[in-house]
Amino acid sequence: MSGEEGQVAGDEMERQVADYLAGHPEFFARHADLLTGLRIPHQPGEAVSLVERQLGLLRAQADQLRAQLQDLIGVARDNERLHDRLHRLTLALMDAPGPDAVLDTLRTELTAHFGADAVALRRAADADELNRPHDPADAPGARLLRELLATGRPRCGPLGPLETAYFFGPNASDARSVALIPLLGAGLTAALAVGSRDPDRFVAGQATDFLTRLGEVVARALQGLLPGEVSAALADA
């Protein structure tokens, strides 16, 4: 047998042994005496037993699982804090006696507990007004508002200068990233705009489940006002 043929035969035998051991993990439990003679290279100049090698792998897996668990715990704690803050905001809005108090509560709570740097409410005009804004500079913002209300889903990310000015007015510089939240209900077509100076605070594609719940709470608070008060609240936003 040539050297090349011997190498091929040796490789085939190693494969068969590896396949057998993979299919019979209890092999070394029945032949524990073999473990004392096995040596597996670990690092140059060192050797460890198969049991030590297996323990090392198990420790690495345990460390990885522990890190994943810590990440999950961190996410759960963040979610719990968000829900606590939303609960606090809900109670505060329920106690708000009128439109001015609703607006003040929104601005205070979102700024203090949700990291917002700018908060605004924007009411949708009727279709004719949206198609023909009084100020041409308002056209991009009005169009975006109409699209937002048509989808009924929050939108996150940066806005163009005209859109930012449309929603935030003089506070536009505080809104480098923005969350736009539709507020829909009986007699209510509006949007809550939350801005942050951090360009990465609200980014396109991020989860919006929490923002949807926030929009439902705010919409319900506004619907609790008298129709005239709702109009006044949104007009003054």
C-alpha atoms as a PDB file:
ATOM      1  CA  MET A   1       0.000   0.000   0.000  1.00  0.00           C
ATOM      2  CA  SER A   2       1.395   3.359  -1.023  1.00  0.00           C
ATOM      3  CA  GLY A   3       1.736   6.244   1.422  1.00  0.00           C
ATOM      4  CA  GLU A   4      -1.123   8.089  -0.252  1.00  0.00           C
ATOM      5  CA  GLU A   5      -3.396   5.051  -0.022  1.00  0.00           C
ATOM      6  CA  GLY A   6      -2.464   4.650   3.622  1.00  0.00           C
ATOM      7  CA  GLN A   7      -3.393   8.280   4.307  1.00  0.00           C
ATOM      8  CA  VAL A   8      -6.780   7.827   2.631  1.00  0.00           C
ATOM      9  CA  ALA A   9      -7.440   4.658   4.619  1.00  0.00           C
ATOM     10  CA  GLY A  10      -6.432   6.420   7.832  1.00  0.00           C
ATOM     11  CA  ASP A  11      -8.728   9.326   7.116  1.00  0.00           C
ATOM     12  CA  GLU A  12     -11.609   6.957   6.425  1.00  0.00           C
ATOM     13  CA  MET A  13     -10.978   5.100   9.677  1.00  0.00           C
ATOM     14  CA  GLU A  14     -10.921   8.379  11.630  1.00  0.00           C
ATOM     15  CA  ARG A  15     -14.216   9.369  10.053  1.00  0.00           C
ATOM     16  CA  GLN A  16     -15.778   6.034  11.008  1.00  0.00           C
ATOM     17  CA  VAL A  17     -14.519   6.365  14.600  1.00  0.00           C
ATOM     18  CA  ALA A  18     -15.816   9.935  14.831  1.00  0.00           C
ATOM     19  CA  ASP A  19     -19.209   8.866  13.424  1.00  0.00           C
ATOM     20  CA  TYR A  20     -19.425   5.997  15.881  1.00  0.00           C
ATOM     21  CA  LEU A  21     -18.592   8.170  18.896  1.00  0.00           C
ATOM     22  CA  ALA A  22     -21.067  10.821  17.748  1.00  0.00           C
ATOM     23  CA  GLY A  23     -23.761   8.164  17.581  1.00  0.00           C
ATOM     24  CA  HIS A  24     -22.806   6.546  20.884  1.00  0.00           C
ATOM     25  CA  PRO A  25     -22.129   9.336  23.403  1.00  0.00           C
ATOM     26  CA  GLU A  26     -22.321   6.750  26.215  1.00  0.00           C
ATOM     27  CA  PHE A  27     -19.221   4.970  24.894  1.00  0.00           C
ATOM     28  CA  PHE A  28     -16.791   6.525  27.371  1.00  0.00           C
ATOM     29  CA  ALA A  29     -19.213   5.932  30.235  1.00  0.00           C
ATOM     30  CA  ARG A  30     -18.874   2.203  29.506  1.00  0.00           C
ATOM     31  CA  HIS A  31     -15.130   2.456  28.894  1.00  0.00           C
ATOM     32  CA  ALA A  32     -14.032   5.026  31.452  1.00  0.00           C
ATOM     33  CA  ASP A  33     -10.562   3.465  31.651  1.00  0.00           C
ATOM     34  CA  LEU A  34      -9.831   4.746  28.126  1.00  0.00           C
ATOM     35  CA  LEU A  35     -10.160   8.331  29.280  1.00  0.00           C
ATOM     36  CA  THR A  36      -6.965   8.140  31.307  1.00  0.00           C
ATOM     37  CA  GLY A  37      -4.972   7.458  28.163  1.00  0.00           C
ATOM     38  CA  LEU A  38      -6.597  10.063  25.924  1.00  0.00           C
ATOM     39  CA  ARG A  39      -4.909  13.401  25.335  1.00  0.00           C
ATOM     40  CA  ILE A  40      -6.393  16.188  23.206  1.00  0.00           C
ATOM     41  CA  PRO A  41      -4.237  19.186  22.167  1.00  0.00           C
ATOM     42  CA  HIS A  42      -5.537  22.364  23.770  1.00  0.00           C
ATOM     43  CA  GLN A  43      -2.801  24.948  23.306  1.00  0.00           C
ATOM     44  CA  PRO A  44       0.736  24.650  21.982  1.00  0.00           C
ATOM     45  CA  GLY A  45       2.816  22.807  24.542  1.00  0.00           C
ATOM     46  CA  GLU A  46      -0.186  21.759  26.645  1.00  0.00           C
ATOM     47  CA  ALA A  47      -2.601  18.833  26.716  1.00  0.00           C
ATOM     48  CA  VAL A  48      -5.829  18.236  28.598  1.00  0.00           C
ATOM     49  CA  SER A  49      -7.955  15.191  29.154  1.00  0.00           C
ATOM     50  CA  LEU A  50     -11.184  14.688  27.251  1.00  0.00           C
ATOM     51  CA  VAL A  51     -13.172  15.338  30.423  1.00  0.00           C
ATOM     52  CA  GLU A  52     -11.312  18.593  31.027  1.00  0.00           C
ATOM     53  CA  ARG A  53     -11.869  19.604  27.425  1.00  0.00           C
ATOM     54  CA  GLN A  54     -15.570  18.809  27.705  1.00  0.00           C
ATOM     55  CA  LEU A  55     -15.806  20.774  30.948  1.00  0.00           C
ATOM     56  CA  GLY A  56     -14.164  23.715  29.233  1.00  0.00           C
ATOM     57  CA  LEU A  57     -16.727  23.615  26.445  1.00  0.00           C
ATOM     58  CA  LEU A  58     -19.568  23.350  28.955  1.00  0.00           C
ATOM     59  CA  ARG A  59     -18.218  26.333  30.872  1.00  0.00           C
ATOM     60  CA  ALA A  60     -18.040  28.358  27.655  1.00  0.00           C
ATOM     61  CA  GLN A  61     -21.631  27.412  26.835  1.00  0.00           C
ATOM     62  CA  ALA A  62     -22.709  28.292  30.374  1.00  0.00           C
ATOM     63  CA  ASP A  63     -21.018  31.694  30.088  1.00  0.00           C
ATOM     64  CA  GLN A  64     -22.776  32.321  26.783  1.00  0.00           C
ATOM     65  CA  LEU A  65     -26.158  31.325  28.213  1.00  0.00           C
ATOM     66  CA  ARG A  66     -25.531  33.481  31.286  1.00  0.00           C
ATOM     67  CA  ALA A  67     -24.777  36.481  29.067  1.00  0.00           C
ATOM     68  CA  GLN A  68     -27.938  35.858  27.045  1.00  0.00           C
ATOM     69  CA  LEU A  69     -29.951  35.596  30.242  1.00  0.00           C
ATOM     70  CA  GLN A  70     -28.550  38.900  31.484  1.00  0.00           C
ATOM     71  CA  ASP A  71     -29.524  40.523  28.180  1.00  0.00           C
ATOM     72  CA  LEU A  72     -33.078  39.166  28.493  1.00  0.00           C
ATOM     73  CA  ILE A  73     -33.298  40.372  32.091  1.00  0.00           C
ATOM     74  CA  GLY A  74     -32.130  43.814  30.980  1.00  0.00           C
ATOM     75  CA  VAL A  75     -34.771  43.957  28.238  1.00  0.00           C
ATOM     76  CA  ALA A  76     -37.456  42.816  30.697  1.00  0.00           C
ATOM     77  CA  ARG A  77     -36.457  45.524  33.182  1.00  0.00           C
ATOM     78  CA  ASP A  78     -36.504  48.180  30.457  1.00  0.00           C
ATOM     79  CA  ASN A  79     -39.972  47.031  29.377  1.00  0.00           C
ATOM     80  CA  GLU A  80     -41.176  47.090  32.974  1.00  0.00           C
ATOM     81  CA  ARG A  81     -39.925  50.653  33.401  1.00  0.00           C
ATOM     82  CA  LEU A  82     -41.650  51.717  30.184  1.00  0.00           C
ATOM     83  CA  HIS A  83     -44.935  50.194  31.270  1.00  0.00           C
ATOM     84  CA  ASP A  84     -44.648  51.825  34.698  1.00  0.00           C
ATOM     85  CA  ARG A  85     -44.099  55.208  33.041  1.00  0.00           C
ATOM     86  CA  LEU A  86     -47.013  54.650  30.667  1.00  0.00           C
ATOM     87  CA  HIS A  87     -49.208  53.749  33.640  1.00  0.00           C
ATOM     88  CA  ARG A  88     -48.113  56.946  35.403  1.00  0.00           C
ATOM     89  CA  LEU A  89     -48.871  58.994  32.282  1.00  0.00           C
ATOM     90  CA  THR A  90     -52.285  57.342  31.928  1.00  0.00           C
ATOM     91  CA  LEU A  91     -53.249  58.228  35.497  1.00  0.00           C
ATOM     92  CA  ALA A  92     -51.996  61.784  35.077  1.00  0.00           C
ATOM     93  CA  LEU A  93     -54.036  62.251  31.896  1.00  0.00           C
ATOM     94  CA  MET A  94     -57.119  60.844  33.610  1.00  0.00           C
ATOM     95  CA  ASP A  95     -56.724  63.520  36.282  1.00  0.00           C
ATOM     96  CA  ALA A  96     -56.247  66.361  33.784  1.00  0.00           C
ATOM     97  CA  PRO A  97     -59.318  68.633  34.153  1.00  0.00           C
ATOM     98  CA  GLY A  98     -59.212  70.316  30.745  1.00  0.00           C
ATOM     99  CA  PRO A  99     -57.394  70.781  27.428  1.00  0.00           C
ATOM    100  CA  ASP A 100     -54.613  72.946  28.832  1.00  0.00           C
ATOM    101  CA  ALA A 101     -53.947  70.401  31.565  1.00  0.00           C
ATOM    102  CA  VAL A 102     -53.852  67.555  29.009  1.00  0.00           C
ATOM    103  CA  LEU A 103     -51.214  69.377  26.980  1.00  0.00           C
ATOM    104  CA  ASP A 104     -49.193  70.350  30.046  1.00  0.00           C
ATOM    105  CA  THR A 105     -49.329  66.770  31.327  1.00  0.00           C
ATOM    106  CA  LEU A 106     -48.157  65.356  28.009  1.00  0.00           C
ATOM    107  CA  ARG A 107     -45.241  67.752  27.775  1.00  0.00           C
ATOM    108  CA  THR A 108     -44.223  67.302  31.408  1.00  0.00           C
ATOM    109  CA  GLU A 109     -44.431  63.498  31.491  1.00  0.00           C
ATOM    110  CA  LEU A 110     -42.871  62.848  28.090  1.00  0.00           C
ATOM    111  CA  THR A 111     -40.044  65.267  28.774  1.00  0.00           C
ATOM    112  CA  ALA A 112     -39.339  64.092  32.325  1.00  0.00           C
ATOM    113  CA  HIS A 113     -39.840  60.344  31.995  1.00  0.00           C
ATOM    114  CA  PHE A 114     -39.527  59.401  28.316  1.00  0.00           C
ATOM    115  CA  GLY A 115     -36.484  61.404  27.285  1.00  0.00           C
ATOM    116  CA  ALA A 116     -38.380  63.730  24.920  1.00  0.00           C
ATOM    117  CA  ASP A 117     -36.877  67.118  24.037  1.00  0.00           C
ATOM    118  CA  ALA A 118     -39.868  68.370  22.062  1.00  0.00           C
ATOM    119  CA  VAL A 119     -43.555  67.435  22.196  1.00  0.00           C
ATOM    120  CA  ALA A 120     -46.306  68.692  19.900  1.00  0.00           C
ATOM    121  CA  LEU A 121     -49.829  67.842  18.813  1.00  0.00           C
ATOM    122  CA  ARG A 122     -50.875  68.449  15.227  1.00  0.00           C
ATOM    123  CA  ARG A 123     -54.476  68.293  14.065  1.00  0.00           C
ATOM    124  CA  ALA A 124     -55.358  67.160  10.549  1.00  0.00           C
ATOM    125  CA  ALA A 125     -57.234  69.709   8.504  1.00  0.00           C
ATOM    126  CA  ASP A 126     -59.926  68.688   6.067  1.00  0.00           C
ATOM    127  CA  ALA A 127     -58.954  67.104   2.771  1.00  0.00           C
ATOM    128  CA  ASP A 128     -59.165  70.339   0.759  1.00  0.00           C
ATOM    129  CA  GLU A 129     -56.935  72.194   3.180  1.00  0.00           C
ATOM    130  CA  LEU A 130     -54.411  69.345   3.237  1.00  0.00           C
ATOM    131  CA  ASN A 131     -54.269  69.385  -0.551  1.00  0.00           C
ATOM    132  CA  ARG A 132     -53.919  73.160  -0.675  1.00  0.00           C
ATOM    133  CA  PRO A 133     -52.057  74.380   2.430  1.00  0.00           C
ATOM    134  CA  HIS A 134     -52.121  78.107   3.063  1.00  0.00           C
ATOM    135  CA  ASP A 135     -48.341  78.187   3.328  1.00  0.00           C
ATOM    136  CA  PRO A 136     -46.491  76.256   0.574  1.00  0.00           C
ATOM    137  CA  ALA A 137     -43.769  75.436   3.105  1.00  0.00           C
ATOM    138  CA  ASP A 138     -46.349  73.370   4.994  1.00  0.00           C
ATOM    139  CA  ALA A 139     -46.988  71.040   2.048  1.00  0.00           C
ATOM    140  CA  PRO A 140     -44.406  68.340   2.943  1.00  0.00           C
ATOM    141  CA  GLY A 141     -45.536  68.223   6.575  1.00  0.00           C
ATOM    142  CA  ALA A 142     -49.226  68.151   5.676  1.00  0.00           C
ATOM    143  CA  ARG A 143     -48.589  65.354   3.203  1.00  0.00           C
ATOM    144  CA  LEU A 144     -46.664  63.362   5.817  1.00  0.00           C
ATOM    145  CA  LEU A 145     -49.446  63.853   8.369  1.00  0.00           C
ATOM    146  CA  ARG A 146     -52.009  62.612   5.869  1.00  0.00           C
ATOM    147  CA  GLU A 147     -49.897  59.509   5.118  1.00  0.00           C
ATOM    148  CA  LEU A 148     -49.430  58.842   8.830  1.00  0.00           C
ATOM    149  CA  LEU A 149     -53.163  58.957   9.515  1.00  0.00           C
ATOM    150  CA  ALA A 150     -53.896  56.784   6.482  1.00  0.00           C
ATOM    151  CA  THR A 151     -51.635  53.989   7.744  1.00  0.00           C
ATOM    152  CA  GLY A 152     -52.647  54.367  11.398  1.00  0.00           C
ATOM    153  CA  ARG A 153     -49.162  53.256  12.477  1.00  0.00           C
ATOM    154  CA  PRO A 154     -46.400  55.207  14.262  1.00  0.00           C
ATOM    155  CA  ARG A 155     -43.400  56.311  12.258  1.00  0.00           C
ATOM    156  CA  CYS A 156     -39.867  56.882  13.535  1.00  0.00           C
ATOM    157  CA  GLY A 157     -36.799  58.533  12.061  1.00  0.00           C
ATOM    158  CA  PRO A 158     -35.455  61.927  11.021  1.00  0.00           C
ATOM    159  CA  LEU A 159     -37.634  64.412   9.164  1.00  0.00           C
ATOM    160  CA  GLY A 160     -36.788  66.989   6.543  1.00  0.00           C
ATOM    161  CA  PRO A 161     -36.438  70.613   7.678  1.00  0.00           C
ATOM    162  CA  LEU A 162     -39.879  71.654   6.402  1.00  0.00           C
ATOM    163  CA  GLU A 163     -41.560  68.616   7.951  1.00  0.00           C
ATOM    164  CA  THR A 164     -39.819  69.202  11.279  1.00  0.00           C
ATOM    165  CA  ALA A 165     -40.890  72.853  11.288  1.00  0.00           C
ATOM    166  CA  TYR A 166     -44.458  71.846  10.415  1.00  0.00           C
ATOM    167  CA  PHE A 167     -44.778  69.596  13.466  1.00  0.00           C
ATOM    168  CA  PHE A 168     -42.586  71.375  16.023  1.00  0.00           C
ATOM    169  CA  GLY A 169     -42.538  75.026  14.998  1.00  0.00           C
ATOM    170  CA  PRO A 170     -39.963  77.002  17.021  1.00  0.00           C
ATOM    171  CA  ASN A 171     -38.798  73.797  18.762  1.00  0.00           C
ATOM    172  CA  ALA A 172     -37.698  72.157  15.501  1.00  0.00           C
ATOM    173  CA  SER A 173     -34.028  72.275  16.506  1.00  0.00           C
ATOM    174  CA  ASP A 174     -34.821  69.918  19.406  1.00  0.00           C
ATOM    175  CA  ALA A 175     -36.112  67.212  17.039  1.00  0.00           C
ATOM    176  CA  ARG A 176     -33.174  65.593  15.237  1.00  0.00           C
ATOM    177  CA  SER A 177     -35.045  62.285  15.409  1.00  0.00           C
ATOM    178  CA  VAL A 178     -38.807  62.014  15.665  1.00  0.00           C
ATOM    179  CA  ALA A 179     -41.614  59.626  16.570  1.00  0.00           C
ATOM    180  CA  LEU A 180     -44.924  60.475  14.916  1.00  0.00           C
ATOM    181  CA  ILE A 181     -47.910  58.769  16.531  1.00  0.00           C
ATOM    182  CA  PRO A 182     -51.391  58.853  14.956  1.00  0.00           C
ATOM    183  CA  LEU A 183     -54.259  59.788  17.258  1.00  0.00           C
ATOM    184  CA  LEU A 184     -57.480  58.399  15.853  1.00  0.00           C
ATOM    185  CA  GLY A 185     -60.973  58.144  17.279  1.00  0.00           C
ATOM    186  CA  ALA A 186     -64.468  59.526  17.099  1.00  0.00           C
ATOM    187  CA  GLY A 187     -64.090  63.146  16.025  1.00  0.00           C
ATOM    188  CA  LEU A 188     -60.306  62.936  16.358  1.00  0.00           C
ATOM    189  CA  THR A 189     -57.715  62.933  13.554  1.00  0.00           C
ATOM    190  CA  ALA A 190     -54.405  64.200  14.853  1.00  0.00           C
ATOM    191  CA  ALA A 191     -50.817  63.206  15.551  1.00  0.00           C
ATOM    192  CA  LEU A 192     -48.560  63.325  18.569  1.00  0.00           C
ATOM    193  CA  ALA A 193     -45.016  64.290  17.598  1.00  0.00           C
ATOM    194  CA  VAL A 194     -42.175  63.454  19.991  1.00  0.00           C
ATOM    195  CA  GLY A 195     -38.713  64.747  19.149  1.00  0.00           C
ATOM    196  CA  SER A 196     -35.242  64.112  20.519  1.00  0.00           C
ATOM    197  CA  ARG A 197     -31.921  65.896  20.110  1.00  0.00           C
ATOM    198  CA  ASP A 198     -30.319  62.441  19.864  1.00  0.00           C
ATOM    199  CA  PRO A 199     -30.338  61.460  16.165  1.00  0.00           C
ATOM    200  CA  ASP A 200     -30.421  57.784  17.150  1.00  0.00           C
ATOM    201  CA  ARG A 201     -33.269  58.012  19.674  1.00  0.00           C
ATOM    202  CA  PHE A 202     -35.981  57.293  17.101  1.00  0.00           C
ATOM    203  CA  VAL A 203     -34.823  55.360  14.034  1.00  0.00           C
ATOM    204  CA  ALA A 204     -36.675  53.872  11.089  1.00  0.00           C
ATOM    205  CA  GLY A 205     -37.565  50.225  11.563  1.00  0.00           C
ATOM    206  CA  GLN A 206     -37.558  50.199  15.362  1.00  0.00           C
ATOM    207  CA  ALA A 207     -40.373  48.445  17.234  1.00  0.00           C
ATOM    208  CA  THR A 208     -43.428  50.657  17.679  1.00  0.00           C
ATOM    209  CA  ASP A 209     -45.676  48.577  19.947  1.00  0.00           C
ATOM    210  CA  PHE A 210     -45.083  50.915  22.871  1.00  0.00           C
ATOM    211  CA  LEU A 211     -45.706  54.006  20.731  1.00  0.00           C
ATOM    212  CA  THR A 212     -48.991  52.501  19.543  1.00  0.00           C
ATOM    213  CA  ARG A 213     -50.124  52.043  23.157  1.00  0.00           C
ATOM    214  CA  LEU A 214     -49.029  55.575  23.982  1.00  0.00           C
ATOM    215  CA  GLY A 215     -51.095  56.878  21.066  1.00  0.00           C
ATOM    216  CA  GLU A 216     -54.158  54.960  22.259  1.00  0.00           C
ATOM    217  CA  VAL A 217     -53.830  56.451  25.748  1.00  0.00           C
ATOM    218  CA  VAL A 218     -53.440  60.018  24.466  1.00  0.00           C
ATOM    219  CA  ALA A 219     -56.289  59.618  21.970  1.00  0.00           C
ATOM    220  CA  ARG A 220     -58.590  58.346  24.704  1.00  0.00           C
ATOM    221  CA  ALA A 221     -57.646  61.277  26.941  1.00  0.00           C
ATOM    222  CA  LEU A 222     -58.453  63.754  24.177  1.00  0.00           C
ATOM    223  CA  GLN A 223     -61.718  61.997  23.381  1.00  0.00           C
ATOM    224  CA  GLY A 224     -62.685  62.449  27.018  1.00  0.00           C
ATOM    225  CA  LEU A 225     -62.819  66.196  26.475  1.00  0.00           C
ATOM    226  CA  LEU A 226     -65.797  68.012  25.066  1.00  0.00           C
ATOM    227  CA  PRO A 227     -65.663  68.407  21.249  1.00  0.00           C
ATOM    228  CA  GLY A 228     -64.917  72.125  21.522  1.00  0.00           C
ATOM    229  CA  GLU A 229     -62.170  71.470  24.046  1.00  0.00           C
ATOM    230  CA  VAL A 230     -60.525  68.941  21.749  1.00  0.00           C
ATOM    231  CA  SER A 231     -60.438  71.491  18.930  1.00  0.00           C
ATOM    232  CA  ALA A 232     -59.042  74.146  21.266  1.00  0.00           C
ATOM    233  CA  ALA A 233     -56.416  71.802  22.653  1.00  0.00           C
ATOM    234  CA  LEU A 234     -55.142  70.799  19.227  1.00  0.00           C
ATOM    235  CA  ALA A 235     -55.318  74.303  17.839  1.00  0.00           C
ATOM    236  CA  ASP A 236     -53.171  75.581  20.694  1.00  0.00           C
ATOM    237  CA  ALA A 237     -50.618  72.754  20.464  1.00  0.00           C
END
